[in-house]
Amino acid sequence: MKLNWIDILLILFGLFVAYQVLRAIIGGTWKTESIIIALLIFNLGLTYRLGMKFEGHINWHKFRDKLYK
């Protein structure tokens, strides 16, 4: 498996965010809002790289709504 520059960037960003979360637990660093935004951006990057489709999630909601009508 060959890593390209986007994979390496995501790995480094994920490690940095994990480090900041640990520092926040131990004694303070970023504000909570900044950590949450960083985690959301990391999640978005992973979702994009893994090729997950947002349409699948929307279709799940449509199917569920049809069941409970």
PDB file of N, CA and C in Angstrom:
ATOM      1  N   MET A   1       0.844  -1.181   0.000  1.00  0.00           N
ATOM      2  CA  MET A   1       0.000   0.000   0.000  1.00  0.00           C
ATOM      3  C   MET A   1       0.885   1.239   0.000  1.00  0.00           C
ATOM      4  N   LYS A   2       0.715   2.048  -1.015  1.00  0.00           N
ATOM      5  CA  LYS A   2       1.530   3.243  -1.158  1.00  0.00           C
ATOM      6  C   LYS A   2       0.782   4.443  -0.575  1.00  0.00           C
ATOM      7  N   LEU A   3       1.478   5.195   0.262  1.00  0.00           N
ATOM      8  CA  LEU A   3       0.884   6.392   0.844  1.00  0.00           C
ATOM      9  C   LEU A   3       1.195   7.587  -0.041  1.00  0.00           C
ATOM     10  N   ASN A   4       0.177   8.374  -0.336  1.00  0.00           N
ATOM     11  CA  ASN A   4       0.434   9.600  -1.075  1.00  0.00           C
ATOM     12  C   ASN A   4       0.461  10.766  -0.093  1.00  0.00           C
ATOM     13  N   TRP A   5       0.614  11.956  -0.591  1.00  0.00           N
ATOM     14  CA  TRP A   5       0.810  13.102   0.297  1.00  0.00           C
ATOM     15  C   TRP A   5      -0.441  13.434   1.110  1.00  0.00           C
ATOM     16  N   ILE A   6      -1.617  13.133   0.593  1.00  0.00           N
ATOM     17  CA  ILE A   6      -2.846  13.397   1.358  1.00  0.00           C
ATOM     18  C   ILE A   6      -2.931  12.455   2.554  1.00  0.00           C
ATOM     19  N   ASP A   7      -2.580  11.195   2.362  1.00  0.00           N
ATOM     20  CA  ASP A   7      -2.582  10.240   3.472  1.00  0.00           C
ATOM     21  C   ASP A   7      -1.600  10.658   4.554  1.00  0.00           C
ATOM     22  N   ILE A   8      -0.424  11.072   4.140  1.00  0.00           N
ATOM     23  CA  ILE A   8       0.594  11.502   5.104  1.00  0.00           C
ATOM     24  C   ILE A   8       0.128  12.743   5.850  1.00  0.00           C
ATOM     25  N   LEU A   9      -0.484  13.672   5.145  1.00  0.00           N
ATOM     26  CA  LEU A   9      -1.010  14.882   5.772  1.00  0.00           C
ATOM     27  C   LEU A   9      -2.102  14.546   6.792  1.00  0.00           C
ATOM     28  N   LEU A  10      -2.993  13.634   6.441  1.00  0.00           N
ATOM     29  CA  LEU A  10      -4.046  13.227   7.372  1.00  0.00           C
ATOM     30  C   LEU A  10      -3.479  12.532   8.605  1.00  0.00           C
ATOM     31  N   ILE A  11      -2.473  11.695   8.414  1.00  0.00           N
ATOM     32  CA  ILE A  11      -1.846  11.018   9.546  1.00  0.00           C
ATOM     33  C   ILE A  11      -1.196  12.029  10.486  1.00  0.00           C
ATOM     34  N   LEU A  12      -0.452  12.966   9.929  1.00  0.00           N
ATOM     35  CA  LEU A  12       0.198  13.984  10.756  1.00  0.00           C
ATOM     36  C   LEU A  12      -0.821  14.860  11.477  1.00  0.00           C
ATOM     37  N   PHE A  13      -1.878  15.254  10.773  1.00  0.00           N
ATOM     38  CA  PHE A  13      -2.912  16.078  11.397  1.00  0.00           C
ATOM     39  C   PHE A  13      -3.619  15.305  12.512  1.00  0.00           C
ATOM     40  N   GLY A  14      -3.900  14.029  12.278  1.00  0.00           N
ATOM     41  CA  GLY A  14      -4.542  13.205  13.300  1.00  0.00           C
ATOM     42  C   GLY A  14      -3.672  13.050  14.537  1.00  0.00           C
ATOM     43  N   LEU A  15      -2.380  12.848  14.342  1.00  0.00           N
ATOM     44  CA  LEU A  15      -1.464  12.749  15.480  1.00  0.00           C
ATOM     45  C   LEU A  15      -1.386  14.064  16.247  1.00  0.00           C
ATOM     46  N   PHE A  16      -1.377  15.182  15.515  1.00  0.00           N
ATOM     47  CA  PHE A  16      -1.337  16.486  16.164  1.00  0.00           C
ATOM     48  C   PHE A  16      -2.598  16.745  16.987  1.00  0.00           C
ATOM     49  N   VAL A  17      -3.754  16.409  16.430  1.00  0.00           N
ATOM     50  CA  VAL A  17      -5.016  16.603  17.155  1.00  0.00           C
ATOM     51  C   VAL A  17      -5.069  15.690  18.377  1.00  0.00           C
ATOM     52  N   ALA A  18      -4.613  14.449  18.243  1.00  0.00           N
ATOM     53  CA  ALA A  18      -4.585  13.537  19.391  1.00  0.00           C
ATOM     54  C   ALA A  18      -3.676  14.084  20.489  1.00  0.00           C
ATOM     55  N   TYR A  19      -2.540  14.641  20.098  1.00  0.00           N
ATOM     56  CA  TYR A  19      -1.630  15.254  21.065  1.00  0.00           C
ATOM     57  C   TYR A  19      -2.300  16.427  21.783  1.00  0.00           C
ATOM     58  N   GLN A  20      -3.021  17.259  21.038  1.00  0.00           N
ATOM     59  CA  GLN A  20      -3.705  18.397  21.647  1.00  0.00           C
ATOM     60  C   GLN A  20      -4.822  17.948  22.589  1.00  0.00           C
ATOM     61  N   VAL A  21      -5.524  16.872  22.235  1.00  0.00           N
ATOM     62  CA  VAL A  21      -6.575  16.341  23.113  1.00  0.00           C
ATOM     63  C   VAL A  21      -5.957  15.837  24.418  1.00  0.00           C
ATOM     64  N   LEU A  22      -4.858  15.114  24.306  1.00  0.00           N
ATOM     65  CA  LEU A  22      -4.180  14.636  25.525  1.00  0.00           C
ATOM     66  C   LEU A  22      -3.696  15.795  26.382  1.00  0.00           C
ATOM     67  N   ARG A  23      -3.150  16.829  25.758  1.00  0.00           N
ATOM     68  CA  ARG A  23      -2.715  18.003  26.523  1.00  0.00           C
ATOM     69  C   ARG A  23      -3.900  18.695  27.184  1.00  0.00           C
ATOM     70  N   ALA A  24      -5.042  18.725  26.514  1.00  0.00           N
ATOM     71  CA  ALA A  24      -6.234  19.355  27.092  1.00  0.00           C
ATOM     72  C   ALA A  24      -6.716  18.571  28.303  1.00  0.00           C
ATOM     73  N   ILE A  25      -6.622  17.247  28.239  1.00  0.00           N
ATOM     74  CA  ILE A  25      -7.034  16.415  29.373  1.00  0.00           C
ATOM     75  C   ILE A  25      -6.093  16.601  30.545  1.00  0.00           C
ATOM     76  N   ILE A  26      -4.810  16.681  30.271  1.00  0.00           N
ATOM     77  CA  ILE A  26      -3.812  16.790  31.332  1.00  0.00           C
ATOM     78  C   ILE A  26      -3.777  18.179  31.953  1.00  0.00           C
ATOM     79  N   GLY A  27      -3.891  19.226  31.144  1.00  0.00           N
ATOM     80  CA  GLY A  27      -3.778  20.506  31.805  1.00  0.00           C
ATOM     81  C   GLY A  27      -4.001  21.730  30.957  1.00  0.00           C
ATOM     82  N   GLY A  28      -4.493  21.595  29.808  1.00  0.00           N
ATOM     83  CA  GLY A  28      -4.876  22.783  29.072  1.00  0.00           C
ATOM     84  C   GLY A  28      -3.993  23.096  27.895  1.00  0.00           C
ATOM     85  N   THR A  29      -4.627  23.458  26.838  1.00  0.00           N
ATOM     86  CA  THR A  29      -3.971  23.855  25.598  1.00  0.00           C
ATOM     87  C   THR A  29      -4.993  24.609  24.790  1.00  0.00           C
ATOM     88  N   TRP A  30      -5.471  24.056  23.716  1.00  0.00           N
ATOM     89  CA  TRP A  30      -6.477  24.706  22.893  1.00  0.00           C
ATOM     90  C   TRP A  30      -7.792  24.828  23.649  1.00  0.00           C
ATOM     91  N   LYS A  31      -8.630  25.728  23.165  1.00  0.00           N
ATOM     92  CA  LYS A  31      -9.982  25.809  23.699  1.00  0.00           C
ATOM     93  C   LYS A  31     -10.761  24.599  23.204  1.00  0.00           C
ATOM     94  N   THR A  32     -11.804  24.254  23.909  1.00  0.00           N
ATOM     95  CA  THR A  32     -12.618  23.097  23.550  1.00  0.00           C
ATOM     96  C   THR A  32     -13.194  23.228  22.144  1.00  0.00           C
ATOM     97  N   GLU A  33     -13.604  24.433  21.786  1.00  0.00           N
ATOM     98  CA  GLU A  33     -14.184  24.639  20.455  1.00  0.00           C
ATOM     99  C   GLU A  33     -13.167  24.339  19.360  1.00  0.00           C
ATOM    100  N   SER A  34     -11.923  24.719  19.585  1.00  0.00           N
ATOM    101  CA  SER A  34     -10.876  24.472  18.591  1.00  0.00           C
ATOM    102  C   SER A  34     -10.611  22.984  18.426  1.00  0.00           C
ATOM    103  N   ILE A  35     -10.637  22.243  19.520  1.00  0.00           N
ATOM    104  CA  ILE A  35     -10.423  20.803  19.446  1.00  0.00           C
ATOM    105  C   ILE A  35     -11.575  20.138  18.697  1.00  0.00           C
ATOM    106  N   ILE A  36     -12.802  20.562  18.960  1.00  0.00           N
ATOM    107  CA  ILE A  36     -13.962  19.985  18.286  1.00  0.00           C
ATOM    108  C   ILE A  36     -13.909  20.268  16.785  1.00  0.00           C
ATOM    109  N   ILE A  37     -13.560  21.484  16.412  1.00  0.00           N
ATOM    110  CA  ILE A  37     -13.452  21.824  14.990  1.00  0.00           C
ATOM    111  C   ILE A  37     -12.355  21.008  14.325  1.00  0.00           C
ATOM    112  N   ALA A  38     -11.221  20.842  15.003  1.00  0.00           N
ATOM    113  CA  ALA A  38     -10.125  20.042  14.443  1.00  0.00           C
ATOM    114  C   ALA A  38     -10.549  18.590  14.251  1.00  0.00           C
ATOM    115  N   LEU A  39     -11.283  18.039  15.214  1.00  0.00           N
ATOM    116  CA  LEU A  39     -11.761  16.660  15.076  1.00  0.00           C
ATOM    117  C   LEU A  39     -12.762  16.526  13.925  1.00  0.00           C
ATOM    118  N   LEU A  40     -13.611  17.528  13.746  1.00  0.00           N
ATOM    119  CA  LEU A  40     -14.563  17.500  12.630  1.00  0.00           C
ATOM    120  C   LEU A  40     -13.842  17.569  11.289  1.00  0.00           C
ATOM    121  N   ILE A  41     -12.811  18.410  11.195  1.00  0.00           N
ATOM    122  CA  ILE A  41     -12.043  18.502   9.956  1.00  0.00           C
ATOM    123  C   ILE A  41     -11.313  17.192   9.688  1.00  0.00           C
ATOM    124  N   PHE A  42     -10.764  16.577  10.735  1.00  0.00           N
ATOM    125  CA  PHE A  42     -10.082  15.292  10.577  1.00  0.00           C
ATOM    126  C   PHE A  42     -11.064  14.223  10.114  1.00  0.00           C
ATOM    127  N   ASN A  43     -12.260  14.203  10.689  1.00  0.00           N
ATOM    128  CA  ASN A  43     -13.292  13.255  10.290  1.00  0.00           C
ATOM    129  C   ASN A  43     -13.696  13.475   8.833  1.00  0.00           C
ATOM    130  N   LEU A  44     -13.830  14.715   8.423  1.00  0.00           N
ATOM    131  CA  LEU A  44     -14.175  15.022   7.040  1.00  0.00           C
ATOM    132  C   LEU A  44     -13.086  14.536   6.086  1.00  0.00           C
ATOM    133  N   GLY A  45     -11.834  14.729   6.467  1.00  0.00           N
ATOM    134  CA  GLY A  45     -10.730  14.256   5.642  1.00  0.00           C
ATOM    135  C   GLY A  45     -10.709  12.751   5.508  1.00  0.00           C
ATOM    136  N   LEU A  46     -10.955  12.049   6.604  1.00  0.00           N
ATOM    137  CA  LEU A  46     -11.002  10.590   6.550  1.00  0.00           C
ATOM    138  C   LEU A  46     -12.163  10.101   5.706  1.00  0.00           C
ATOM    139  N   THR A  47     -13.294  10.749   5.853  1.00  0.00           N
ATOM    140  CA  THR A  47     -14.469  10.364   5.072  1.00  0.00           C
ATOM    141  C   THR A  47     -14.188  10.536   3.585  1.00  0.00           C
ATOM    142  N   TYR A  48     -13.543  11.629   3.222  1.00  0.00           N
ATOM    143  CA  TYR A  48     -13.207  11.872   1.818  1.00  0.00           C
ATOM    144  C   TYR A  48     -12.222  10.822   1.307  1.00  0.00           C
ATOM    145  N   ARG A  49     -11.211  10.498   2.094  1.00  0.00           N
ATOM    146  CA  ARG A  49     -10.181   9.564   1.660  1.00  0.00           C
ATOM    147  C   ARG A  49     -10.707   8.144   1.557  1.00  0.00           C
ATOM    148  N   LEU A  50     -11.645   7.791   2.406  1.00  0.00           N
ATOM    149  CA  LEU A  50     -12.174   6.432   2.384  1.00  0.00           C
ATOM    150  C   LEU A  50     -13.260   6.258   1.325  1.00  0.00           C
ATOM    151  N   GLY A  51     -13.615   7.331   0.662  1.00  0.00           N
ATOM    152  CA  GLY A  51     -14.574   7.253  -0.436  1.00  0.00           C
ATOM    153  C   GLY A  51     -16.005   7.027   0.020  1.00  0.00           C
ATOM    154  N   MET A  52     -16.319   7.409   1.229  1.00  0.00           N
ATOM    155  CA  MET A  52     -17.686   7.240   1.708  1.00  0.00           C
ATOM    156  C   MET A  52     -18.586   8.274   1.052  1.00  0.00           C
ATOM    157  N   LYS A  53     -19.783   7.866   0.747  1.00  0.00           N
ATOM    158  CA  LYS A  53     -20.720   8.735   0.052  1.00  0.00           C
ATOM    159  C   LYS A  53     -21.779   9.253   1.011  1.00  0.00           C
ATOM    160  N   PHE A  54     -21.991  10.565   0.969  1.00  0.00           N
ATOM    161  CA  PHE A  54     -23.011  11.188   1.800  1.00  0.00           C
ATOM    162  C   PHE A  54     -24.401  10.783   1.343  1.00  0.00           C
ATOM    163  N   GLU A  55     -24.521  10.446   0.060  1.00  0.00           N
ATOM    164  CA  GLU A  55     -25.822  10.047  -0.466  1.00  0.00           C
ATOM    165  C   GLU A  55     -26.339   8.782   0.213  1.00  0.00           C
ATOM    166  N   GLY A  56     -25.439   7.884   0.571  1.00  0.00           N
ATOM    167  CA  GLY A  56     -25.845   6.662   1.262  1.00  0.00           C
ATOM    168  C   GLY A  56     -26.498   6.962   2.593  1.00  0.00           C
ATOM    169  N   HIS A  57     -25.977   7.951   3.281  1.00  0.00           N
ATOM    170  CA  HIS A  57     -26.551   8.345   4.565  1.00  0.00           C
ATOM    171  C   HIS A  57     -27.931   8.975   4.367  1.00  0.00           C
ATOM    172  N   ILE A  58     -28.053   9.814   3.361  1.00  0.00           N
ATOM    173  CA  ILE A  58     -29.343  10.449   3.070  1.00  0.00           C
ATOM    174  C   ILE A  58     -30.376   9.388   2.684  1.00  0.00           C
ATOM    175  N   ASN A  59     -29.965   8.413   1.874  1.00  0.00           N
ATOM    176  CA  ASN A  59     -30.892   7.344   1.478  1.00  0.00           C
ATOM    177  C   ASN A  59     -31.342   6.524   2.678  1.00  0.00           C
ATOM    178  N   TRP A  60     -30.462   6.350   3.648  1.00  0.00           N
ATOM    179  CA  TRP A  60     -30.842   5.636   4.863  1.00  0.00           C
ATOM    180  C   TRP A  60     -31.977   6.374   5.575  1.00  0.00           C
ATOM    181  N   HIS A  61     -31.866   7.713   5.648  1.00  0.00           N
ATOM    182  CA  HIS A  61     -32.920   8.495   6.287  1.00  0.00           C
ATOM    183  C   HIS A  61     -34.227   8.399   5.507  1.00  0.00           C
ATOM    184  N   LYS A  62     -34.145   8.436   4.194  1.00  0.00           N
ATOM    185  CA  LYS A  62     -35.362   8.335   3.383  1.00  0.00           C
ATOM    186  C   LYS A  62     -36.045   6.989   3.593  1.00  0.00           C
ATOM    187  N   PHE A  63     -35.271   5.918   3.631  1.00  0.00           N
ATOM    188  CA  PHE A  63     -35.828   4.584   3.863  1.00  0.00           C
ATOM    189  C   PHE A  63     -36.467   4.493   5.231  1.00  0.00           C
ATOM    190  N   ARG A  64     -35.791   5.046   6.249  1.00  0.00           N
ATOM    191  CA  ARG A  64     -36.312   5.003   7.603  1.00  0.00           C
ATOM    192  C   ARG A  64     -37.617   5.787   7.706  1.00  0.00           C
ATOM    193  N   ASP A  65     -37.665   6.947   7.041  1.00  0.00           N
ATOM    194  CA  ASP A  65     -38.889   7.755   7.082  1.00  0.00           C
ATOM    195  C   ASP A  65     -40.056   7.041   6.424  1.00  0.00           C
ATOM    196  N   LYS A  66     -39.800   6.262   5.359  1.00  0.00           N
ATOM    197  CA  LYS A  66     -40.873   5.498   4.699  1.00  0.00           C
ATOM    198  C   LYS A  66     -41.395   4.392   5.614  1.00  0.00           C
ATOM    199  N   LEU A  67     -40.516   3.814   6.429  1.00  0.00           N
ATOM    200  CA  LEU A  67     -40.945   2.736   7.337  1.00  0.00           C
ATOM    201  C   LEU A  67     -41.889   3.246   8.424  1.00  0.00           C
ATOM    202  N   TYR A  68     -41.651   4.460   8.912  1.00  0.00           N
ATOM    203  CA  TYR A  68     -42.413   4.948  10.047  1.00  0.00           C
ATOM    204  C   TYR A  68     -43.559   5.880   9.674  1.00  0.00           C
ATOM    205  N   LYS A  69     -43.941   5.908   8.401  1.00  0.00           N
ATOM    206  CA  LYS A  69     -45.097   6.729   7.996  1.00  0.00           C
ATOM    207  C   LYS A  69     -46.373   5.992   8.213  1.00  0.00           C
TER     208      LYS A  69
END
